[in-house]
C-alpha atoms as a PDB file:
ATOM      1  CA  UNK A   1     224.804  35.756 146.259  1.00  0.00           C
ATOM      2  CA  UNK A   2     222.359  38.244 147.679  1.00  0.00           C
ATOM      3  CA  UNK A   3     222.792  42.276 146.443  1.00  0.00           C
ATOM      4  CA  UNK A   4     221.334  45.196 148.402  1.00  0.00           C
ATOM      5  CA  UNK A   5     220.948  48.723 146.760  1.00  0.00           C
ATOM      6  CA  UNK A   6     221.262  51.741 148.858  1.00  0.00           C
ATOM      7  CA  UNK A   7     222.395  55.405 148.556  1.00  0.00           C
ATOM      8  CA  UNK A   8     226.006  55.948 147.992  1.00  0.00           C
ATOM      9  CA  UNK A   9     227.730  56.762 151.093  1.00  0.00           C
ATOM     10  CA  UNK A  10     230.461  59.535 151.736  1.00  0.00           C
ATOM     11  CA  UNK A  11     232.981  56.847 152.389  1.00  0.00           C
ATOM     12  CA  UNK A  12     231.848  55.197 149.157  1.00  0.00           C
ATOM     13  CA  UNK A  13     234.374  56.912 147.289  1.00  0.00           C
ATOM     14  CA  UNK A  14     237.306  54.339 146.657  1.00  0.00           C
ATOM     15  CA  UNK A  15     234.901  51.579 146.050  1.00  0.00           C
ATOM     16  CA  UNK A  16     233.163  53.508 144.115  1.00  0.00           C
ATOM     17  CA  UNK A  17     235.467  54.951 141.624  1.00  0.00           C
ATOM     18  CA  UNK A  18     236.465  51.420 139.939  1.00  0.00           C
ATOM     19  CA  UNK A  19     233.148  50.946 138.995  1.00  0.00           C
ATOM     20  CA  UNK A  20     232.670  54.467 137.331  1.00  0.00           C
ATOM     21  CA  UNK A  21     236.352  53.898 135.606  1.00  0.00           C
ATOM     22  CA  UNK A  22     234.762  50.714 134.257  1.00  0.00           C
ATOM     23  CA  UNK A  23     231.587  52.460 133.438  1.00  0.00           C
ATOM     24  CA  UNK A  24     233.240  55.044 131.235  1.00  0.00           C
ATOM     25  CA  UNK A  25     235.543  52.694 129.859  1.00  0.00           C
ATOM     26  CA  UNK A  26     232.376  50.778 128.559  1.00  0.00           C
ATOM     27  CA  UNK A  27     231.022  53.933 127.171  1.00  0.00           C
ATOM     28  CA  UNK A  28     234.433  54.827 125.276  1.00  0.00           C
ATOM     29  CA  UNK A  29     235.417  57.373 127.711  1.00  0.00           C
ATOM     30  CA  UNK A  30     238.678  57.767 129.941  1.00  0.00           C
ATOM     31  CA  UNK A  31     237.882  58.816 133.394  1.00  0.00           C
ATOM     32  CA  UNK A  32     240.820  61.152 134.852  1.00  0.00           C
ATOM     33  CA  UNK A  33     241.059  62.296 138.467  1.00  0.00           C
ATOM     34  CA  UNK A  34     239.548  65.599 137.636  1.00  0.00           C
ATOM     35  CA  UNK A  35     236.407  64.178 136.502  1.00  0.00           C
ATOM     36  CA  UNK A  36     236.060  61.673 139.108  1.00  0.00           C
ATOM     37  CA  UNK A  37     236.308  64.264 141.658  1.00  0.00           C
ATOM     38  CA  UNK A  38     233.801  66.634 140.070  1.00  0.00           C
ATOM     39  CA  UNK A  39     231.425  63.714 139.609  1.00  0.00           C
ATOM     40  CA  UNK A  40     231.664  63.008 143.363  1.00  0.00           C
ATOM     41  CA  UNK A  41     231.641  66.210 144.429  1.00  0.00           C
ATOM     42  CA  UNK A  42     227.691  66.804 143.009  1.00  0.00           C
ATOM     43  CA  UNK A  43     226.941  63.279 144.341  1.00  0.00           C
ATOM     44  CA  UNK A  44     227.868  64.578 147.660  1.00  0.00           C
ATOM     45  CA  UNK A  45     226.388  67.749 147.443  1.00  0.00           C
ATOM     46  CA  UNK A  46     223.216  67.904 148.949  1.00  0.00           C
ATOM     47  CA  UNK A  47     222.001  70.792 146.503  1.00  0.00           C
ATOM     48  CA  UNK A  48     223.091  69.089 143.440  1.00  0.00           C
ATOM     49  CA  UNK A  49     220.392  67.181 141.719  1.00  0.00           C
ATOM     50  CA  UNK A  50     222.944  64.367 140.941  1.00  0.00           C
ATOM     51  CA  UNK A  51     221.962  61.160 142.983  1.00  0.00           C
ATOM     52  CA  UNK A  52     223.614  57.824 143.267  1.00  0.00           C
ATOM     53  CA  UNK A  53     222.659  54.696 144.387  1.00  0.00           C
ATOM     54  CA  UNK A  54     225.233  51.362 144.643  1.00  0.00           C
ATOM     55  CA  UNK A  55     224.616  47.754 144.657  1.00  0.00           C
ATOM     56  CA  UNK A  56     226.474  45.848 147.808  1.00  0.00           C
ATOM     57  CA  UNK A  57     227.076  42.074 147.499  1.00  0.00           C
ATOM     58  CA  UNK A  58     226.988  39.814 150.860  1.00  0.00           C
ATOM     59  CA  UNK A  59     230.718  40.600 151.283  1.00  0.00           C
ATOM     60  CA  UNK A  60     230.280  44.517 151.305  1.00  0.00           C
ATOM     61  CA  UNK A  61     231.873  44.760 147.746  1.00  0.00           C
ATOM     62  CA  UNK A  62     229.964  47.440 145.437  1.00  0.00           C
ATOM     63  CA  UNK A  63     228.911  45.465 142.282  1.00  0.00           C
ATOM     64  CA  UNK A  64     226.632  48.165 140.386  1.00  0.00           C
ATOM     65  CA  UNK A  65     226.029  51.886 140.472  1.00  0.00           C
ATOM     66  CA  UNK A  66     223.459  54.085 139.044  1.00  0.00           C
ATOM     67  CA  UNK A  67     223.352  57.774 138.738  1.00  0.00           C
ATOM     68  CA  UNK A  68     220.055  59.852 137.934  1.00  0.00           C
ATOM     69  CA  UNK A  69     219.087  63.375 138.360  1.00  0.00           C
ATOM     70  CA  UNK A  70     215.369  64.770 138.297  1.00  0.00           C
ATOM     71  CA  UNK A  71     214.370  67.048 135.056  1.00  0.00           C
ATOM     72  CA  UNK A  72     211.768  69.443 134.221  1.00  0.00           C
ATOM     73  CA  UNK A  73     209.219  68.237 131.442  1.00  0.00           C
ATOM     74  CA  UNK A  74     207.955  70.967 129.448  1.00  0.00           C
ATOM     75  CA  UNK A  75     205.556  68.973 127.532  1.00  0.00           C
ATOM     76  CA  UNK A  76     203.485  67.482 130.373  1.00  0.00           C
ATOM     77  CA  UNK A  77     204.506  70.323 133.049  1.00  0.00           C
ATOM     78  CA  UNK A  78     205.928  67.507 135.436  1.00  0.00           C
ATOM     79  CA  UNK A  79     209.490  65.863 136.747  1.00  0.00           C
ATOM     80  CA  UNK A  80     211.142  63.521 134.932  1.00  0.00           C
ATOM     81  CA  UNK A  81     214.192  61.460 136.186  1.00  0.00           C
ATOM     82  CA  UNK A  82     217.126  60.815 133.761  1.00  0.00           C
ATOM     83  CA  UNK A  83     219.297  57.870 134.536  1.00  0.00           C
ATOM     84  CA  UNK A  84     222.788  59.164 133.343  1.00  0.00           C
ATOM     85  CA  UNK A  85     224.599  56.193 134.275  1.00  0.00           C
ATOM     86  CA  UNK A  86     224.093  52.186 134.917  1.00  0.00           C
ATOM     87  CA  UNK A  87     226.475  50.050 135.943  1.00  0.00           C
ATOM     88  CA  UNK A  88     226.826  46.322 137.198  1.00  0.00           C
ATOM     89  CA  UNK A  89     230.424  44.311 137.254  1.00  0.00           C
ATOM     90  CA  UNK A  90     230.338  41.213 134.454  1.00  0.00           C
ATOM     91  CA  UNK A  91     230.311  38.713 137.300  1.00  0.00           C
ATOM     92  CA  UNK A  92     226.995  39.988 138.547  1.00  0.00           C
ATOM     93  CA  UNK A  93     225.211  41.126 135.150  1.00  0.00           C
ATOM     94  CA  UNK A  94     222.241  38.737 134.372  1.00  0.00           C
ATOM     95  CA  UNK A  95     221.342  38.156 137.946  1.00  0.00           C
ATOM     96  CA  UNK A  96     218.860  41.100 138.233  1.00  0.00           C
ATOM     97  CA  UNK A  97     221.426  43.876 139.718  1.00  0.00           C
ATOM     98  CA  UNK A  98     220.609  46.319 137.316  1.00  0.00           C
ATOM     99  CA  UNK A  99     216.658  45.944 137.705  1.00  0.00           C
ATOM    100  CA  UNK A 100     217.035  46.571 141.667  1.00  0.00           C
ATOM    101  CA  UNK A 101     219.061  49.608 140.657  1.00  0.00           C
ATOM    102  CA  UNK A 102     216.531  50.937 138.249  1.00  0.00           C
ATOM    103  CA  UNK A 103     213.918  50.051 141.145  1.00  0.00           C
ATOM    104  CA  UNK A 104     215.526  52.184 143.627  1.00  0.00           C
ATOM    105  CA  UNK A 105     215.286  55.185 140.660  1.00  0.00           C
ATOM    106  CA  UNK A 106     211.638  54.376 140.541  1.00  0.00           C
ATOM    107  CA  UNK A 107     211.332  54.692 144.221  1.00  0.00           C
ATOM    108  CA  UNK A 108     213.291  58.161 143.893  1.00  0.00           C
ATOM    109  CA  UNK A 109     210.625  59.193 141.187  1.00  0.00           C
ATOM    110  CA  UNK A 110     207.808  58.254 143.269  1.00  0.00           C
ATOM    111  CA  UNK A 111     209.415  60.666 146.246  1.00  0.00           C
ATOM    112  CA  UNK A 112     209.783  63.375 143.916  1.00  0.00           C
ATOM    113  CA  UNK A 113     206.174  62.560 142.225  1.00  0.00           C
ATOM    114  CA  UNK A 114     207.977  62.215 138.545  1.00  0.00           C
ATOM    115  CA  UNK A 115     205.892  61.087 135.584  1.00  0.00           C
ATOM    116  CA  UNK A 116     208.493  59.152 133.746  1.00  0.00           C
ATOM    117  CA  UNK A 117     212.225  57.953 134.149  1.00  0.00           C
ATOM    118  CA  UNK A 118     214.326  57.655 130.938  1.00  0.00           C
ATOM    119  CA  UNK A 119     217.640  56.365 130.168  1.00  0.00           C
ATOM    120  CA  UNK A 120     220.007  55.285 127.219  1.00  0.00           C
ATOM    121  CA  UNK A 121     221.223  52.149 126.431  1.00  0.00           C
ATOM    122  CA  UNK A 122     224.123  51.235 124.163  1.00  0.00           C
ATOM    123  CA  UNK A 123     223.163  49.323 120.966  1.00  0.00           C
ATOM    124  CA  UNK A 124     225.412  46.807 121.399  1.00  0.00           C
ATOM    125  CA  UNK A 125     224.532  45.962 124.960  1.00  0.00           C
ATOM    126  CA  UNK A 126     222.489  42.827 124.463  1.00  0.00           C
ATOM    127  CA  UNK A 127     221.816  42.240 127.988  1.00  0.00           C
ATOM    128  CA  UNK A 128     221.133  46.064 128.575  1.00  0.00           C
ATOM    129  CA  UNK A 129     218.705  45.853 125.792  1.00  0.00           C
ATOM    130  CA  UNK A 130     216.962  42.735 126.760  1.00  0.00           C
ATOM    131  CA  UNK A 131     216.110  44.302 130.203  1.00  0.00           C
ATOM    132  CA  UNK A 132     215.353  47.690 128.934  1.00  0.00           C
ATOM    133  CA  UNK A 133     212.776  46.105 126.477  1.00  0.00           C
ATOM    134  CA  UNK A 134     211.356  43.693 129.511  1.00  0.00           C
ATOM    135  CA  UNK A 135     210.743  46.954 131.869  1.00  0.00           C
ATOM    136  CA  UNK A 136     210.229  49.619 129.751  1.00  0.00           C
ATOM    137  CA  UNK A 137     209.111  50.787 126.266  1.00  0.00           C
ATOM    138  CA  UNK A 138     211.396  52.239 123.614  1.00  0.00           C
ATOM    139  CA  UNK A 139     211.221  55.773 122.931  1.00  0.00           C
ATOM    140  CA  UNK A 140     210.257  56.430 119.108  1.00  0.00           C
ATOM    141  CA  UNK A 141     212.806  59.726 119.724  1.00  0.00           C
ATOM    142  CA  UNK A 142     216.084  59.414 118.270  1.00  0.00           C
ATOM    143  CA  UNK A 143     218.750  60.939 120.348  1.00  0.00           C
ATOM    144  CA  UNK A 144     221.845  63.562 119.036  1.00  0.00           C
ATOM    145  CA  UNK A 145     224.965  64.597 121.002  1.00  0.00           C
ATOM    146  CA  UNK A 146     226.464  67.801 120.026  1.00  0.00           C
ATOM    147  CA  UNK A 147     229.735  68.480 121.542  1.00  0.00           C
ATOM    148  CA  UNK A 148     230.912  71.807 122.804  1.00  0.00           C
END
């Protein structure tokens, strides 16, 4: 089955929502209506830095998503792109969909003259680690989170 990647459209909300919910669940987080609407509003607001793209199969079903945003990189005085969320439905995993979504982010990075794309992968996600190791290098950094 062929899959194409495109920017998310205004009328994609009800198809995007179950994908984002499944992604949140896979990360051990619960998605409620308020959070979903806030993230969707960020995606739809042109002045917000968050960008979203979706993978669409031949039948018009959304089968993957990626959310990313630019960030300043002070150490080299450039712009980087951070992939916040990357998700592909189970039936389409291993078929190159995640790679196509990341290629879409690479195009965004080129448009913004970014010097680096970064993302985190769950250590238990063998398929995600395999893909990440194929197309990028592992950072020596250890990431910490401080809840507020």
